[in-house]
Amino acid sequence: MRTYREVLAVGEFRALFAGSTAGVAGTTMTMLALSSLVYAHTGSPFLAAVAYLAGFLPQALGALVLGGLADRLPPRPLLAGWEVVRACAVATLALGVLPVSAMLALVMAVGLLDSVAGAARMALVADLLPGNGYVLGRSLLNIAVGAMQIAGFGGAGLLLTLIGPRAALWAGAGTALLVALVFRLGLRARGPRTTGRPSFAGAAKLLRDAGVRGLLLAQWVPNGLIVGAEAMYVPFAGDSAGVLFVAAAAGMLAGDAVIGRWTTPESRLRLAVPLYVLLAVPYLLFAFDPGVWPAAGLVVVASFGFAGHLGTQERYLAAVPEPMRGQALGLAGSGMQTGQALAAALTGSVAEVVSVTLTMALAAVASLIATACLLRHLRPATRRAGGPGWRRSSRCCRQGAAPRP
């Protein structure tokens, strides 16, 4: 597969794509509405931020403890059934019958379990789109995620202005039911990827492998620190922060479109380090306190660098055994979300001590240091005389040896 058209010709992927993108819009509306509702009840900016990030914080724990279920449950009932459960949870929030503490606990419980559904979705992408199709599919999903986040923020903002946060929550619940219907009708029945009881041992096995662990850190740390810088957009730009959020989405969409569509697997590996560096360097200039519009230009350029993760994810997929694919992809995605939430909390804490602009520059410095520490996992493999590429890491993982980066 070499084009987005070929990827979208796969009927099941079209259903997965439609359901996943609609789900992002609904989740975005729910997050913003819940944050607004909590702030209205408590007047606490801290609790409002916790409400916004609460669903992300426990995802890494969910992937570690429950991630094996993604390979042991049939994907269609898992994905469709989970959306129904999520719709019920959001409807409970919309009813307004829970105190703030219980609302936050419910959102964190949903985030804990949502890691399993997220793992199943990404594993299904790999099943439906083998080879180069996986990167094209992930690229297409990333582009749609950025667009749907903008749509979700816009829709939630409109509903918040016109009829309040509860209406936005009801809209989020309705969207989840629609996604459940799309998954139920658009995906065919297939069995689980593997059998047996899930355990923590699977995640522990992945983390013990030095090569796999390095690729996980490469997906979690440098990008997460830049998301921490993005968390400072509102303190930096105030009412104009929307300009920076849109600029970040535009840069990310451009990067995923160009790198996902117009590169080969080998060139994606070569571009990984330059793109990770590009992701951080423009934020160094925030130390000089640029205006909003120059800052937006810097953000567009930097966000193009998020596309560096495409080559890393492709390499990671090759590094894990197929029977553990769901758990492995879930661990990568959930760890990334938890890392981003923690990075946002960290930059917020630093900004209490130093200026916001210096905090953003320091996040960029930390990202560059992380990239330097992970170079051996981000650089292309040394070619062997027998052919291109890195060692087949799924075999190495099964035998307990570390894959070559």
Protein backbone atom coordinates (compact mmCIF):
# COMPACT_ATOMS: atom_id res chain seq x y z
CA MET A 1 0.00 0.00 0.00
CA ARG A 2 1.43 3.34 -1.06
CA THR A 3 -1.49 5.79 -1.04
CA TYR A 4 -4.27 6.86 1.31
CA ARG A 5 -6.76 5.76 -1.33
CA GLU A 6 -5.49 2.18 -1.11
CA VAL A 7 -5.77 2.28 2.67
CA LEU A 8 -9.33 3.63 2.57
CA ALA A 9 -10.28 0.94 0.07
CA VAL A 10 -10.22 -1.53 2.98
CA GLY A 11 -13.83 -1.52 4.20
CA GLU A 12 -13.13 -2.46 7.80
CA PHE A 13 -10.49 0.23 8.08
CA ARG A 14 -13.03 2.79 6.84
CA ALA A 15 -15.34 1.76 9.68
CA LEU A 16 -12.52 1.85 12.21
CA PHE A 17 -11.40 5.23 10.86
CA ALA A 18 -14.91 6.71 11.01
CA GLY A 19 -15.60 5.41 14.51
CA SER A 20 -12.22 6.42 15.90
CA THR A 21 -12.34 9.96 14.54
CA ALA A 22 -15.90 10.52 15.74
CA GLY A 23 -14.85 9.15 19.12
CA VAL A 24 -12.03 11.71 19.34
CA ALA A 25 -14.51 14.55 18.76
CA GLY A 26 -16.82 13.18 21.44
CA THR A 27 -13.99 12.67 23.93
CA THR A 28 -12.72 16.21 23.33
CA MET A 29 -16.17 17.64 23.99
CA THR A 30 -16.46 15.58 27.16
CA MET A 31 -13.05 16.66 28.49
CA LEU A 32 -13.67 20.36 27.92
CA ALA A 33 -17.22 20.22 29.26
CA LEU A 34 -16.19 18.33 32.40
CA SER A 35 -13.36 20.77 33.08
CA SER A 36 -15.78 23.69 32.75
CA LEU A 37 -18.35 21.99 34.97
CA VAL A 38 -15.80 21.26 37.71
CA TYR A 39 -14.49 24.82 37.57
CA ALA A 40 -18.03 26.18 37.85
CA HIS A 41 -18.64 24.01 40.93
CA THR A 42 -15.35 24.61 42.71
CA GLY A 43 -13.74 27.76 41.29
CA SER A 44 -10.43 25.86 41.41
CA PRO A 45 -8.13 26.05 38.35
CA PHE A 46 -6.18 23.07 39.69
CA LEU A 47 -9.27 20.83 39.91
CA ALA A 48 -10.35 22.04 36.46
CA ALA A 49 -6.97 20.95 35.07
CA VAL A 50 -7.20 17.61 36.88
CA ALA A 51 -10.67 17.08 35.39
CA TYR A 52 -9.30 17.80 31.92
CA LEU A 53 -6.42 15.33 32.30
CA ALA A 54 -8.03 12.76 34.60
CA GLY A 55 -8.80 10.30 31.81
CA PHE A 56 -5.17 10.25 30.68
CA LEU A 57 -3.45 9.84 34.04
CA PRO A 58 -4.27 6.13 34.72
CA GLN A 59 -3.87 4.87 31.15
CA ALA A 60 -0.32 3.58 31.57
CA LEU A 61 -1.40 1.61 34.64
CA GLY A 62 -4.34 0.20 32.69
CA ALA A 63 -2.05 -0.87 29.86
CA LEU A 64 0.35 -2.58 32.29
CA VAL A 65 -2.31 -4.42 34.29
CA LEU A 66 -5.12 -4.98 31.78
CA GLY A 67 -3.42 -4.56 28.40
CA GLY A 68 -3.35 -8.31 27.75
CA LEU A 69 -7.14 -8.28 27.37
CA ALA A 70 -6.72 -6.48 24.03
CA ASP A 71 -5.28 -9.70 22.56
CA ARG A 72 -7.61 -12.07 24.40
CA LEU A 73 -11.02 -10.57 23.56
CA PRO A 74 -12.68 -10.47 20.12
CA PRO A 75 -12.18 -6.92 18.80
CA ARG A 76 -15.68 -6.16 17.49
CA PRO A 77 -17.63 -6.81 20.72
CA LEU A 78 -14.81 -5.25 22.75
CA LEU A 79 -14.81 -1.99 20.78
CA ALA A 80 -18.57 -1.69 20.31
CA GLY A 81 -19.38 -2.74 23.88
CA TRP A 82 -16.83 -0.37 25.38
CA GLU A 83 -18.37 2.61 23.57
CA VAL A 84 -21.75 1.75 25.10
CA VAL A 85 -20.16 1.62 28.57
CA ARG A 86 -18.43 4.94 27.95
CA ALA A 87 -21.70 6.51 26.80
CA CYS A 88 -23.34 5.42 30.07
CA ALA A 89 -20.48 6.91 32.10
CA VAL A 90 -20.68 10.26 30.28
CA ALA A 91 -24.46 10.29 30.66
CA THR A 92 -23.99 9.80 34.40
CA LEU A 93 -21.75 12.87 34.46
CA ALA A 94 -24.33 14.83 32.48
CA LEU A 95 -27.09 13.99 34.97
CA GLY A 96 -25.25 15.97 37.65
CA VAL A 97 -25.96 13.46 40.42
CA LEU A 98 -22.32 12.97 41.47
CA PRO A 99 -20.15 15.21 43.65
CA VAL A 100 -16.93 16.48 42.09
CA SER A 101 -14.75 13.84 43.76
CA ALA A 102 -16.95 11.03 42.41
CA MET A 103 -16.96 12.61 38.95
CA LEU A 104 -13.16 12.62 38.89
CA ALA A 105 -13.03 9.04 40.17
CA LEU A 106 -15.43 7.91 37.44
CA VAL A 107 -13.40 9.62 34.71
CA MET A 108 -10.20 8.01 35.97
CA ALA A 109 -11.87 4.58 36.05
CA VAL A 110 -12.98 5.08 32.46
CA GLY A 111 -9.44 6.10 31.48
CA LEU A 112 -8.04 2.99 33.18
CA LEU A 113 -10.27 0.70 31.09
CA ASP A 114 -10.10 2.79 27.94
CA SER A 115 -6.47 1.73 27.53
CA VAL A 116 -7.68 -1.77 26.61
CA ALA A 117 -9.98 -0.48 23.86
CA GLY A 118 -7.25 1.81 22.54
CA ALA A 119 -4.84 -1.13 22.35
CA ALA A 120 -7.41 -3.22 20.47
CA ARG A 121 -7.99 -0.41 17.95
CA MET A 122 -4.30 0.02 17.16
CA ALA A 123 -3.74 -3.73 16.90
CA LEU A 124 -6.67 -3.97 14.50
CA VAL A 125 -5.08 -1.28 12.31
CA ALA A 126 -1.93 -3.43 12.10
CA ASP A 127 -4.02 -6.50 11.25
CA LEU A 128 -6.01 -4.75 8.53
CA LEU A 129 -3.08 -2.85 6.97
CA PRO A 130 0.07 -4.97 6.77
CA GLY A 131 3.48 -3.64 5.80
CA ASN A 132 3.66 -0.01 4.71
CA GLY A 133 -0.11 0.23 5.07
CA TYR A 134 0.22 0.43 8.84
CA VAL A 135 2.17 3.69 8.72
CA LEU A 136 -0.24 5.12 6.15
CA GLY A 137 -3.18 4.14 8.34
CA ARG A 138 -1.62 5.60 11.47
CA SER A 139 -0.75 8.76 9.55
CA LEU A 140 -4.32 9.08 8.31
CA LEU A 141 -5.69 8.51 11.81
CA ASN A 142 -3.32 11.12 13.25
CA ILE A 143 -4.45 13.66 10.66
CA ALA A 144 -8.09 12.96 11.47
CA VAL A 145 -7.43 13.12 15.21
CA GLY A 146 -6.03 16.64 14.87
CA ALA A 147 -8.99 17.74 12.77
CA MET A 148 -11.54 16.15 15.11
CA GLN A 149 -9.91 17.70 18.16
CA ILE A 150 -10.38 21.11 16.57
CA ALA A 151 -13.99 20.20 15.73
CA GLY A 152 -14.56 18.86 19.24
CA PHE A 153 -13.17 22.00 20.88
CA GLY A 154 -15.26 24.16 18.57
CA GLY A 155 -18.46 22.19 19.14
CA ALA A 156 -17.97 22.03 22.88
CA GLY A 157 -17.16 25.74 23.02
CA LEU A 158 -20.36 26.55 21.14
CA LEU A 159 -22.48 24.35 23.39
CA LEU A 160 -20.82 25.75 26.51
CA THR A 161 -21.65 29.26 25.37
CA LEU A 162 -25.22 28.57 24.29
CA ILE A 163 -26.60 25.99 26.70
CA GLY A 164 -23.88 25.02 29.18
CA PRO A 165 -21.53 22.10 29.87
CA ARG A 166 -24.20 19.49 30.54
CA ALA A 167 -25.39 19.75 26.94
CA ALA A 168 -21.83 19.14 25.74
CA LEU A 169 -21.67 16.06 27.97
CA TRP A 170 -24.92 14.74 26.50
CA ALA A 171 -23.46 15.33 23.04
CA GLY A 172 -20.39 13.33 24.05
CA ALA A 173 -22.58 10.44 25.26
CA GLY A 174 -24.57 10.46 22.03
CA THR A 175 -21.38 10.41 19.98
CA ALA A 176 -20.15 7.35 21.90
CA LEU A 177 -23.38 5.48 21.05
CA LEU A 178 -22.96 6.41 17.39
CA VAL A 179 -19.40 5.09 17.44
CA ALA A 180 -20.61 1.82 19.00
CA LEU A 181 -23.07 1.40 16.12
CA VAL A 182 -20.36 2.08 13.53
CA PHE A 183 -18.06 -0.54 15.06
CA ARG A 184 -20.85 -3.11 15.39
CA LEU A 185 -21.97 -2.78 11.76
CA GLY A 186 -18.65 -1.99 10.08
CA LEU A 187 -16.30 -4.58 11.60
CA ARG A 188 -16.54 -8.28 10.89
CA ALA A 189 -16.46 -10.91 13.60
CA ARG A 190 -13.00 -12.29 14.31
CA GLY A 191 -11.57 -14.27 17.18
CA PRO A 192 -9.05 -13.15 19.78
CA ARG A 193 -5.38 -12.89 18.79
CA THR A 194 -4.28 -15.25 21.54
CA THR A 195 -5.75 -17.23 24.43
CA GLY A 196 -5.00 -17.73 28.09
CA ARG A 197 -5.30 -15.57 31.15
CA PRO A 198 -3.91 -12.03 30.86
CA SER A 199 -1.25 -11.09 33.35
CA PHE A 200 1.29 -8.46 34.16
CA ALA A 201 3.96 -10.82 32.85
CA GLY A 202 3.34 -9.80 29.24
CA ALA A 203 4.04 -6.13 29.91
CA ALA A 204 6.98 -7.05 32.12
CA LYS A 205 8.42 -9.15 29.30
CA LEU A 206 8.20 -6.20 26.92
CA LEU A 207 9.80 -3.83 29.41
CA ARG A 208 12.65 -6.23 30.15
CA ASP A 209 13.70 -6.18 26.50
CA ALA A 210 16.21 -3.31 26.26
CA GLY A 211 15.43 -2.58 22.61
CA VAL A 212 11.67 -2.52 23.11
CA ARG A 213 12.04 -0.44 26.27
CA GLY A 214 14.16 2.09 24.41
CA LEU A 215 11.59 2.39 21.62
CA LEU A 216 8.86 2.91 24.23
CA LEU A 217 10.83 5.70 25.88
CA ALA A 218 11.45 7.25 22.46
CA GLN A 219 7.67 7.44 21.96
CA TRP A 220 6.94 8.73 25.47
CA VAL A 221 9.58 11.20 26.59
CA PRO A 222 10.72 13.70 23.91
CA ASN A 223 7.20 14.21 22.55
CA GLY A 224 5.64 14.31 26.01
CA LEU A 225 7.95 17.12 27.14
CA ILE A 226 6.89 19.23 24.16
CA VAL A 227 3.25 18.59 25.00
CA GLY A 228 4.19 19.99 28.41
CA ALA A 229 5.29 23.17 26.63
CA GLU A 230 1.96 23.22 24.77
CA ALA A 231 0.18 23.13 28.13
CA MET A 232 1.54 26.65 28.67
CA TYR A 233 -0.33 28.15 25.68
CA VAL A 234 -3.12 29.60 27.79
CA PRO A 235 -0.82 31.27 30.36
CA PHE A 236 1.38 32.50 27.50
CA ALA A 237 -1.26 33.85 25.11
CA GLY A 238 -4.39 34.31 27.22
CA ASP A 239 -7.47 34.83 25.05
CA SER A 240 -5.32 34.28 21.92
CA ALA A 241 -4.26 30.77 22.97
CA GLY A 242 -6.61 29.31 20.36
CA VAL A 243 -4.26 30.63 17.67
CA LEU A 244 -1.45 28.48 19.08
CA PHE A 245 -3.64 25.38 19.46
CA VAL A 246 -4.73 25.66 15.83
CA ALA A 247 -1.12 26.25 14.74
CA ALA A 248 -0.01 23.13 16.61
CA ALA A 249 -2.77 21.04 14.99
CA ALA A 250 -1.91 22.41 11.54
CA GLY A 251 1.79 21.62 11.90
CA MET A 252 1.05 18.12 13.17
CA LEU A 253 -1.37 17.45 10.32
CA ALA A 254 1.17 18.64 7.75
CA GLY A 255 3.92 16.48 9.24
CA ASP A 256 1.78 13.34 9.34
CA ALA A 257 0.56 13.93 5.78
CA VAL A 258 4.03 14.54 4.29
CA ILE A 259 6.02 11.96 6.25
CA GLY A 260 3.28 9.34 6.24
CA ARG A 261 2.51 9.61 2.53
CA TRP A 262 5.73 10.65 0.79
CA THR A 263 8.45 8.66 2.56
CA THR A 264 9.65 5.07 2.57
CA PRO A 265 10.31 2.97 5.67
CA GLU A 266 14.06 3.53 5.29
CA SER A 267 13.74 7.29 4.89
CA ARG A 268 11.41 7.48 7.89
CA LEU A 269 14.14 5.89 10.00
CA ARG A 270 16.73 8.36 8.72
CA LEU A 271 14.42 11.30 9.39
CA ALA A 272 13.52 10.29 12.94
CA VAL A 273 16.33 12.15 14.72
CA PRO A 274 16.07 15.36 12.63
CA LEU A 275 12.31 15.45 13.21
CA TYR A 276 12.69 14.92 16.97
CA VAL A 277 15.18 17.79 17.03
CA LEU A 278 12.86 19.98 14.95
CA LEU A 279 10.10 19.28 17.45
CA ALA A 280 12.05 21.00 20.24
CA VAL A 281 14.34 23.64 18.73
CA PRO A 282 11.67 26.30 17.86
CA TYR A 283 10.49 26.29 21.48
CA LEU A 284 13.95 27.47 22.57
CA LEU A 285 13.07 30.84 21.03
CA PHE A 286 10.16 31.23 23.45
CA ALA A 287 12.78 32.27 26.01
CA PHE A 288 12.85 35.62 24.14
CA ASP A 289 9.08 36.10 24.66
CA PRO A 290 7.87 36.30 21.03
CA GLY A 291 4.48 37.78 20.22
CA VAL A 292 1.49 35.56 19.55
CA TRP A 293 1.81 35.48 15.77
CA PRO A 294 5.58 34.83 15.67
CA ALA A 295 4.96 32.18 18.33
CA ALA A 296 2.30 30.58 16.11
CA GLY A 297 4.84 30.33 13.30
CA LEU A 298 7.32 28.66 15.63
CA VAL A 299 4.63 26.24 16.81
CA VAL A 300 3.72 25.23 13.23
CA VAL A 301 7.35 24.43 12.44
CA ALA A 302 7.88 22.55 15.70
CA SER A 303 4.69 20.50 15.43
CA PHE A 304 5.76 19.19 12.03
CA GLY A 305 8.37 17.28 14.03
CA PHE A 306 5.73 15.14 15.73
CA ALA A 307 5.82 13.05 12.53
CA GLY A 308 9.12 11.60 13.77
CA HIS A 309 7.10 9.14 15.82
CA LEU A 310 5.84 7.38 12.66
CA GLY A 311 9.19 5.72 11.99
CA THR A 312 9.60 4.90 15.67
CA GLN A 313 6.17 3.28 15.83
CA GLU A 314 6.86 1.28 12.67
CA ARG A 315 10.06 0.00 14.19
CA TYR A 316 8.34 -0.76 17.48
CA LEU A 317 5.65 -2.79 15.70
CA ALA A 318 8.36 -4.95 14.13
CA ALA A 319 10.02 -5.38 17.53
CA VAL A 320 7.15 -7.11 19.33
CA PRO A 321 5.72 -10.62 18.91
CA GLU A 322 2.44 -10.71 16.99
CA PRO A 323 0.49 -12.50 19.77
CA MET A 324 1.33 -9.54 22.05
CA ARG A 325 0.68 -6.85 19.45
CA GLY A 326 -2.44 -5.44 21.11
CA GLN A 327 -0.86 -5.25 24.55
CA ALA A 328 2.35 -3.77 23.11
CA LEU A 329 0.60 -1.05 21.10
CA GLY A 330 -1.67 -0.29 24.03
CA LEU A 331 1.30 0.10 26.33
CA ALA A 332 2.92 2.50 23.86
CA GLY A 333 -0.19 4.64 23.35
CA SER A 334 -1.35 4.68 26.96
CA GLY A 335 2.14 5.43 28.26
CA MET A 336 2.35 8.31 25.82
CA GLN A 337 -0.90 9.82 27.09
CA THR A 338 0.06 9.41 30.72
CA GLY A 339 3.49 10.89 30.01
CA GLN A 340 1.91 13.90 28.34
CA ALA A 341 -0.37 14.47 31.31
CA LEU A 342 2.55 14.22 33.73
CA ALA A 343 4.66 16.55 31.57
CA ALA A 344 1.85 19.11 31.57
CA ALA A 345 1.67 18.90 35.36
CA LEU A 346 5.46 19.26 35.59
CA THR A 347 5.64 22.35 33.37
CA GLY A 348 2.75 23.85 35.30
CA SER A 349 4.69 23.38 38.52
CA VAL A 350 7.86 24.90 37.04
CA ALA A 351 5.87 27.89 35.76
CA GLU A 352 4.92 28.65 39.35
CA VAL A 353 8.61 29.39 40.01
CA VAL A 354 9.94 30.86 36.73
CA SER A 355 8.30 32.65 33.82
CA VAL A 356 6.02 30.82 31.41
CA THR A 357 8.27 31.54 28.43
CA LEU A 358 11.35 30.23 30.23
CA THR A 359 9.38 27.14 31.24
CA MET A 360 8.56 26.42 27.59
CA ALA A 361 12.20 26.81 26.61
CA LEU A 362 13.29 24.52 29.45
CA ALA A 363 10.83 21.87 28.26
CA ALA A 364 12.49 22.08 24.83
CA VAL A 365 15.95 21.68 26.38
CA ALA A 366 14.75 18.62 28.30
CA SER A 367 13.28 17.16 25.10
CA LEU A 368 16.59 17.60 23.26
CA ILE A 369 18.48 15.94 26.13
CA ALA A 370 16.03 13.02 26.05
CA THR A 371 16.50 12.66 22.29
CA ALA A 372 20.28 12.63 22.74
CA CYS A 373 20.00 9.91 25.38
CA LEU A 374 17.82 7.79 23.07
CA LEU A 375 19.91 8.19 19.89
CA ARG A 376 20.82 4.50 19.69
CA HIS A 377 17.12 3.64 19.49
CA LEU A 378 16.24 6.39 17.01
CA ARG A 379 19.06 5.91 14.50
CA PRO A 380 18.66 3.49 11.57
CA ALA A 381 20.00 0.01 12.03
CA THR A 382 23.43 -0.83 10.72
CA ARG A 383 22.94 -2.83 7.55
CA ARG A 384 24.20 -6.36 7.38
CA ALA A 385 25.83 -7.91 4.36
CA GLY A 386 22.82 -10.16 3.97
CA GLY A 387 20.27 -7.42 3.50
CA PRO A 388 18.64 -4.26 4.81
CA GLY A 389 16.87 -3.55 8.03
CA TRP A 390 17.18 -4.35 11.68
CA ARG A 391 17.08 -7.72 13.34
CA ARG A 392 13.62 -9.29 13.48
CA SER A 393 12.89 -8.29 17.02
CA SER A 394 9.75 -10.35 17.49
CA ARG A 395 11.95 -13.47 17.29
CA CYS A 396 14.47 -11.86 19.65
CA CYS A 397 11.74 -10.97 22.10
CA ARG A 398 10.53 -14.56 22.19
CA GLN A 399 14.06 -15.77 22.79
CA GLY A 400 14.75 -13.18 25.45
CA ALA A 401 17.39 -11.27 23.45
CA ALA A 402 17.35 -7.55 22.90
CA PRO A 403 16.59 -6.40 19.32
CA ARG A 404 19.16 -4.36 17.50
CA PRO A 405 18.08 -0.69 17.26
